[in-house]
Amino acid sequence: MPTPSFYKRGLAVFGALTVLATATVAGLKIGSTGTTIASHYRSTLSVNPNSIAANGATTTVVTVTGAVAGSHCGVNATAGDLLSTTSTVHLACRAGTDSATVFYRNTSSTAAFDAGTSTLSVQVWGY
């Protein structure tokens, strides 16, 4: 039986594609002019940072196995005080080797912010 032509040229899907198991893709490009995503790593953690003074900052180092220094890093709170509408903390991160540093910056110019326990999601993408 001959090999179907889509195996030779790549598979094009016009419409919806449903994957019912884990799909491994070596480099994913979204759109015809997008940048290929070579890797994606994610870690979640529970944090309770120390009180952050007005206009102050603090950090936490997170293990993100597979992360490469300099890769794109994103962080967001998924539960807890850092997610609340009254939080004055701005979150950012920087990827390191198998890690990410999460930065918490209190944007209030007048009051310290003492967050309780929060859950963070840290994601690192390699291009």
N, C-alpha and C. Protein backbone atom coordinates (compact mmCIF):
# COMPACT_ATOMS: atom_id res chain seq x y z
N MET A 1 0.86 -1.17 0.00
CA MET A 1 0.00 0.00 0.00
C MET A 1 0.90 1.24 0.00
N PRO A 2 0.66 2.19 -0.89
CA PRO A 2 1.51 3.38 -0.95
C PRO A 2 1.29 4.29 0.26
N THR A 3 2.33 5.06 0.59
CA THR A 3 2.24 6.02 1.69
C THR A 3 1.34 7.18 1.28
N PRO A 4 0.36 7.54 2.11
CA PRO A 4 -0.51 8.67 1.76
C PRO A 4 0.32 9.94 1.57
N SER A 5 -0.11 10.80 0.66
CA SER A 5 0.68 11.97 0.31
C SER A 5 0.85 12.95 1.47
N PHE A 6 -0.09 12.99 2.43
CA PHE A 6 0.06 13.94 3.52
C PHE A 6 1.22 13.58 4.44
N TYR A 7 1.65 12.32 4.46
CA TYR A 7 2.81 11.95 5.25
C TYR A 7 4.10 12.52 4.64
N LYS A 8 4.09 12.72 3.35
CA LYS A 8 5.27 13.24 2.66
C LYS A 8 5.35 14.76 2.75
N ARG A 9 4.23 15.43 2.74
CA ARG A 9 4.22 16.89 2.65
C ARG A 9 3.83 17.58 3.94
N GLY A 10 3.36 16.88 4.92
CA GLY A 10 2.84 17.50 6.13
C GLY A 10 1.32 17.49 6.07
N LEU A 11 0.71 17.44 7.20
CA LEU A 11 -0.75 17.35 7.27
C LEU A 11 -1.34 18.74 7.42
N ALA A 12 -2.26 19.07 6.56
CA ALA A 12 -2.98 20.35 6.66
C ALA A 12 -4.39 20.05 7.14
N VAL A 13 -4.84 20.78 8.15
CA VAL A 13 -6.18 20.59 8.69
C VAL A 13 -6.96 21.88 8.45
N PHE A 14 -8.06 21.77 7.78
CA PHE A 14 -8.93 22.91 7.52
C PHE A 14 -10.20 22.68 8.33
N GLY A 15 -10.32 23.37 9.45
CA GLY A 15 -11.44 23.15 10.36
C GLY A 15 -10.89 22.74 11.72
N ALA A 16 -11.71 22.08 12.50
CA ALA A 16 -11.34 21.71 13.87
C ALA A 16 -10.51 20.43 13.87
N LEU A 17 -9.54 20.38 14.78
CA LEU A 17 -8.73 19.19 14.99
C LEU A 17 -8.84 18.83 16.46
N THR A 18 -9.27 17.62 16.76
CA THR A 18 -9.38 17.16 18.14
C THR A 18 -8.32 16.10 18.38
N VAL A 19 -7.50 16.32 19.40
CA VAL A 19 -6.48 15.35 19.77
C VAL A 19 -6.95 14.70 21.06
N LEU A 20 -7.08 13.38 21.05
CA LEU A 20 -7.65 12.66 22.19
C LEU A 20 -6.59 12.06 23.10
N ALA A 21 -5.36 12.37 22.86
CA ALA A 21 -4.26 11.91 23.71
C ALA A 21 -3.20 13.00 23.69
N THR A 22 -2.09 12.77 24.35
CA THR A 22 -1.01 13.74 24.35
C THR A 22 -0.37 13.79 22.97
N ALA A 23 -0.20 14.98 22.44
CA ALA A 23 0.45 15.15 21.15
C ALA A 23 1.81 15.80 21.38
N THR A 24 2.84 15.23 20.80
CA THR A 24 4.17 15.80 20.89
C THR A 24 4.47 16.48 19.57
N VAL A 25 4.83 17.75 19.65
CA VAL A 25 5.10 18.54 18.45
C VAL A 25 6.52 19.09 18.58
N ALA A 26 7.31 18.90 17.56
CA ALA A 26 8.68 19.44 17.56
C ALA A 26 8.64 20.81 16.92
N GLY A 27 8.37 21.83 17.72
CA GLY A 27 8.29 23.19 17.21
C GLY A 27 6.89 23.50 16.74
N LEU A 28 6.21 24.38 17.43
CA LEU A 28 4.84 24.76 17.11
C LEU A 28 4.82 26.21 16.67
N LYS A 29 4.26 26.45 15.50
CA LYS A 29 4.13 27.81 14.99
C LYS A 29 2.63 28.10 14.87
N ILE A 30 2.21 29.21 15.44
CA ILE A 30 0.81 29.60 15.37
C ILE A 30 0.69 30.70 14.33
N GLY A 31 -0.04 30.43 13.27
CA GLY A 31 -0.16 31.37 12.16
C GLY A 31 1.02 31.22 11.21
N SER A 32 0.89 31.77 10.03
CA SER A 32 1.93 31.60 9.01
C SER A 32 3.16 32.46 9.27
N THR A 33 3.03 33.51 10.07
CA THR A 33 4.18 34.38 10.33
C THR A 33 4.61 34.36 11.79
N GLY A 34 4.05 33.46 12.57
CA GLY A 34 4.39 33.39 13.99
C GLY A 34 5.78 32.84 14.23
N THR A 35 6.26 33.01 15.45
CA THR A 35 7.55 32.48 15.87
C THR A 35 7.35 31.06 16.39
N THR A 36 8.21 30.15 16.00
CA THR A 36 8.10 28.76 16.43
C THR A 36 8.38 28.65 17.93
N ILE A 37 7.49 27.99 18.65
CA ILE A 37 7.67 27.72 20.07
C ILE A 37 8.37 26.38 20.17
N ALA A 38 9.58 26.38 20.70
CA ALA A 38 10.37 25.15 20.78
C ALA A 38 10.12 24.38 22.07
N SER A 39 9.75 25.10 23.15
CA SER A 39 9.54 24.42 24.43
C SER A 39 8.62 25.25 25.32
N HIS A 40 7.97 24.58 26.25
CA HIS A 40 7.10 25.25 27.22
C HIS A 40 7.19 24.48 28.53
N TYR A 41 7.46 25.20 29.61
CA TYR A 41 7.56 24.58 30.93
C TYR A 41 6.69 25.37 31.90
N ARG A 42 6.09 24.67 32.87
CA ARG A 42 5.18 25.33 33.81
C ARG A 42 5.41 24.77 35.20
N SER A 43 5.28 25.65 36.17
CA SER A 43 5.37 25.25 37.57
C SER A 43 4.34 26.04 38.36
N THR A 44 3.72 25.41 39.33
CA THR A 44 2.82 26.13 40.24
C THR A 44 3.39 26.01 41.64
N LEU A 45 3.14 27.03 42.44
CA LEU A 45 3.65 27.00 43.79
C LEU A 45 2.79 27.86 44.69
N SER A 46 2.84 27.54 45.96
CA SER A 46 2.16 28.32 46.98
C SER A 46 3.20 29.22 47.63
N VAL A 47 2.89 30.51 47.73
CA VAL A 47 3.84 31.47 48.29
C VAL A 47 3.16 32.32 49.35
N ASN A 48 3.95 32.80 50.27
CA ASN A 48 3.49 33.78 51.26
C ASN A 48 4.66 34.74 51.47
N PRO A 49 4.82 35.71 50.53
CA PRO A 49 5.98 36.61 50.64
C PRO A 49 5.89 37.47 51.90
N ASN A 50 7.06 37.88 52.35
CA ASN A 50 7.11 38.80 53.49
C ASN A 50 6.39 40.09 53.13
N SER A 51 6.06 40.87 54.15
CA SER A 51 5.45 42.18 53.93
C SER A 51 6.36 43.00 53.02
N ILE A 52 5.76 43.66 52.04
CA ILE A 52 6.52 44.45 51.08
C ILE A 52 6.25 45.92 51.38
N ALA A 53 7.30 46.66 51.70
CA ALA A 53 7.16 48.08 52.03
C ALA A 53 6.61 48.86 50.85
N ALA A 54 6.05 50.03 51.11
CA ALA A 54 5.58 50.91 50.04
C ALA A 54 6.73 51.15 49.07
N ASN A 55 6.44 51.03 47.79
CA ASN A 55 7.43 51.16 46.72
C ASN A 55 8.56 50.14 46.82
N GLY A 56 8.38 49.08 47.60
CA GLY A 56 9.41 48.07 47.79
C GLY A 56 9.21 46.86 46.90
N ALA A 57 10.16 45.94 46.96
CA ALA A 57 10.09 44.73 46.16
C ALA A 57 10.76 43.58 46.89
N THR A 58 10.42 42.36 46.49
CA THR A 58 11.06 41.16 47.00
C THR A 58 11.01 40.11 45.90
N THR A 59 11.69 38.99 46.10
CA THR A 59 11.74 37.94 45.07
C THR A 59 11.57 36.56 45.69
N THR A 60 11.23 35.60 44.83
CA THR A 60 11.18 34.18 45.17
C THR A 60 11.75 33.43 43.98
N VAL A 61 12.62 32.44 44.22
CA VAL A 61 13.13 31.60 43.14
C VAL A 61 12.29 30.34 43.08
N VAL A 62 11.86 29.98 41.89
CA VAL A 62 10.96 28.85 41.64
C VAL A 62 11.68 27.83 40.77
N THR A 63 11.57 26.55 41.08
CA THR A 63 12.11 25.52 40.21
C THR A 63 11.19 25.34 39.02
N VAL A 64 11.73 25.48 37.82
CA VAL A 64 11.01 25.22 36.57
C VAL A 64 11.94 24.34 35.74
N THR A 65 11.83 23.04 35.95
CA THR A 65 12.73 22.09 35.30
C THR A 65 12.65 22.21 33.79
N GLY A 66 13.79 22.36 33.14
CA GLY A 66 13.86 22.48 31.69
C GLY A 66 14.01 23.92 31.22
N ALA A 67 13.72 24.88 32.08
CA ALA A 67 13.81 26.29 31.68
C ALA A 67 15.24 26.65 31.30
N VAL A 68 15.36 27.56 30.35
CA VAL A 68 16.66 28.03 29.88
C VAL A 68 16.77 29.51 30.19
N ALA A 69 17.91 29.92 30.74
CA ALA A 69 18.11 31.33 31.08
C ALA A 69 17.87 32.21 29.87
N GLY A 70 17.15 33.29 30.08
CA GLY A 70 16.87 34.25 29.02
C GLY A 70 15.61 33.97 28.24
N SER A 71 14.94 32.84 28.49
CA SER A 71 13.69 32.53 27.80
C SER A 71 12.58 33.44 28.28
N HIS A 72 11.49 33.50 27.51
CA HIS A 72 10.33 34.30 27.90
C HIS A 72 9.70 33.68 29.14
N CYS A 73 9.35 34.51 30.12
CA CYS A 73 8.79 34.03 31.38
C CYS A 73 7.53 34.82 31.70
N GLY A 74 6.50 34.14 32.15
CA GLY A 74 5.28 34.80 32.57
C GLY A 74 4.82 34.24 33.90
N VAL A 75 4.22 35.08 34.73
CA VAL A 75 3.74 34.64 36.04
C VAL A 75 2.39 35.29 36.31
N ASN A 76 1.50 34.53 36.92
CA ASN A 76 0.24 35.11 37.37
C ASN A 76 -0.24 34.39 38.62
N ALA A 77 -1.01 35.11 39.42
CA ALA A 77 -1.62 34.52 40.62
C ALA A 77 -2.89 33.83 40.19
N THR A 78 -3.10 32.61 40.69
CA THR A 78 -4.32 31.87 40.36
C THR A 78 -5.26 31.76 41.56
N ALA A 79 -4.77 32.09 42.74
CA ALA A 79 -5.59 32.09 43.96
C ALA A 79 -4.88 32.89 45.04
N GLY A 80 -5.65 33.43 45.98
CA GLY A 80 -5.07 34.11 47.13
C GLY A 80 -5.07 35.62 47.02
N ASP A 81 -4.41 36.26 48.01
CA ASP A 81 -4.41 37.71 48.13
C ASP A 81 -3.77 38.43 46.94
N LEU A 82 -2.78 37.83 46.31
CA LEU A 82 -2.13 38.49 45.17
C LEU A 82 -3.07 38.59 43.96
N LEU A 83 -4.13 37.80 43.97
CA LEU A 83 -5.11 37.82 42.90
C LEU A 83 -6.21 38.85 43.15
N SER A 84 -6.35 39.29 44.39
CA SER A 84 -7.48 40.16 44.76
C SER A 84 -7.40 41.53 44.09
N THR A 85 -8.54 42.17 43.98
CA THR A 85 -8.61 43.49 43.34
C THR A 85 -7.99 44.58 44.21
N THR A 86 -7.72 44.28 45.48
CA THR A 86 -7.11 45.28 46.35
C THR A 86 -5.59 45.13 46.43
N SER A 87 -5.04 44.14 45.73
CA SER A 87 -3.60 43.93 45.76
C SER A 87 -2.89 45.09 45.05
N THR A 88 -1.83 45.58 45.66
CA THR A 88 -1.01 46.62 45.03
C THR A 88 0.30 46.03 44.52
N VAL A 89 0.37 44.71 44.41
CA VAL A 89 1.60 44.04 44.00
C VAL A 89 1.58 43.74 42.50
N HIS A 90 2.66 44.11 41.84
CA HIS A 90 2.87 43.80 40.43
C HIS A 90 3.80 42.59 40.37
N LEU A 91 3.44 41.58 39.56
CA LEU A 91 4.25 40.37 39.43
C LEU A 91 5.00 40.37 38.11
N ALA A 92 6.23 39.89 38.13
CA ALA A 92 7.03 39.70 36.92
C ALA A 92 7.98 38.54 37.18
N CYS A 93 8.60 38.01 36.13
CA CYS A 93 9.57 36.94 36.36
C CYS A 93 10.67 36.97 35.30
N ARG A 94 11.77 36.30 35.63
CA ARG A 94 12.90 36.17 34.73
C ARG A 94 13.35 34.71 34.78
N ALA A 95 13.50 34.10 33.62
CA ALA A 95 13.89 32.69 33.55
C ALA A 95 15.39 32.53 33.79
N GLY A 96 15.72 31.48 34.51
CA GLY A 96 17.10 31.06 34.72
C GLY A 96 17.23 29.62 34.27
N THR A 97 18.34 28.98 34.53
CA THR A 97 18.52 27.58 34.19
C THR A 97 17.75 26.72 35.18
N ASP A 98 16.73 26.01 34.68
CA ASP A 98 15.85 25.16 35.50
C ASP A 98 15.17 25.94 36.62
N SER A 99 14.99 27.23 36.45
CA SER A 99 14.37 28.05 37.49
C SER A 99 13.78 29.32 36.89
N ALA A 100 13.08 30.04 37.73
CA ALA A 100 12.60 31.38 37.39
C ALA A 100 12.60 32.19 38.69
N THR A 101 12.93 33.45 38.57
CA THR A 101 12.87 34.35 39.71
C THR A 101 11.60 35.18 39.57
N VAL A 102 10.73 35.10 40.58
CA VAL A 102 9.49 35.88 40.58
C VAL A 102 9.75 37.16 41.37
N PHE A 103 9.38 38.29 40.78
CA PHE A 103 9.55 39.60 41.40
C PHE A 103 8.18 40.11 41.84
N TYR A 104 8.10 40.57 43.08
CA TYR A 104 6.88 41.18 43.61
C TYR A 104 7.22 42.65 43.86
N ARG A 105 6.48 43.56 43.29
CA ARG A 105 6.72 44.99 43.51
C ARG A 105 5.45 45.62 44.03
N ASN A 106 5.55 46.25 45.20
CA ASN A 106 4.41 46.95 45.80
C ASN A 106 4.32 48.32 45.14
N THR A 107 3.23 48.56 44.41
CA THR A 107 3.08 49.82 43.67
C THR A 107 2.45 50.92 44.52
N SER A 108 2.08 50.61 45.75
CA SER A 108 1.54 51.65 46.63
C SER A 108 2.68 52.55 47.10
N SER A 109 2.45 53.85 47.07
CA SER A 109 3.47 54.78 47.54
C SER A 109 3.29 55.12 49.02
N THR A 110 2.22 54.57 49.64
CA THR A 110 1.94 54.95 51.02
C THR A 110 1.83 53.80 52.00
N ALA A 111 1.56 52.58 51.54
CA ALA A 111 1.30 51.50 52.49
C ALA A 111 2.05 50.22 52.12
N ALA A 112 2.48 49.52 53.17
CA ALA A 112 3.08 48.20 52.97
C ALA A 112 1.97 47.24 52.54
N PHE A 113 2.36 46.15 51.87
CA PHE A 113 1.39 45.13 51.48
C PHE A 113 1.87 43.81 52.04
N ASP A 114 1.03 43.20 52.87
CA ASP A 114 1.36 41.92 53.47
C ASP A 114 0.36 40.89 52.95
N ALA A 115 0.74 40.24 51.88
CA ALA A 115 -0.14 39.24 51.27
C ALA A 115 -0.16 37.98 52.12
N GLY A 116 -1.28 37.34 52.12
CA GLY A 116 -1.34 36.01 52.72
C GLY A 116 -0.83 35.01 51.70
N THR A 117 -1.17 33.76 51.88
CA THR A 117 -0.74 32.71 50.96
C THR A 117 -1.47 32.85 49.64
N SER A 118 -0.73 32.73 48.55
CA SER A 118 -1.28 32.77 47.20
C SER A 118 -0.69 31.64 46.38
N THR A 119 -1.38 31.25 45.33
CA THR A 119 -0.88 30.26 44.39
C THR A 119 -0.47 30.97 43.11
N LEU A 120 0.75 30.70 42.66
CA LEU A 120 1.26 31.29 41.44
C LEU A 120 1.45 30.23 40.36
N SER A 121 1.28 30.64 39.12
CA SER A 121 1.60 29.81 37.96
C SER A 121 2.72 30.51 37.21
N VAL A 122 3.83 29.81 37.03
CA VAL A 122 4.99 30.36 36.31
C VAL A 122 5.16 29.53 35.04
N GLN A 123 5.25 30.24 33.90
CA GLN A 123 5.42 29.56 32.62
C GLN A 123 6.63 30.12 31.89
N VAL A 124 7.42 29.23 31.29
CA VAL A 124 8.60 29.62 30.55
C VAL A 124 8.50 29.02 29.15
N TRP A 125 8.70 29.87 28.13
CA TRP A 125 8.65 29.45 26.73
C TRP A 125 10.01 29.63 26.08
N GLY A 126 10.42 28.65 25.32
CA GLY A 126 11.66 28.76 24.54
C GLY A 126 11.30 28.93 23.08
N TYR A 127 12.03 29.81 22.38
CA TYR A 127 11.76 30.08 20.96
C TYR A 127 12.96 29.73 20.13
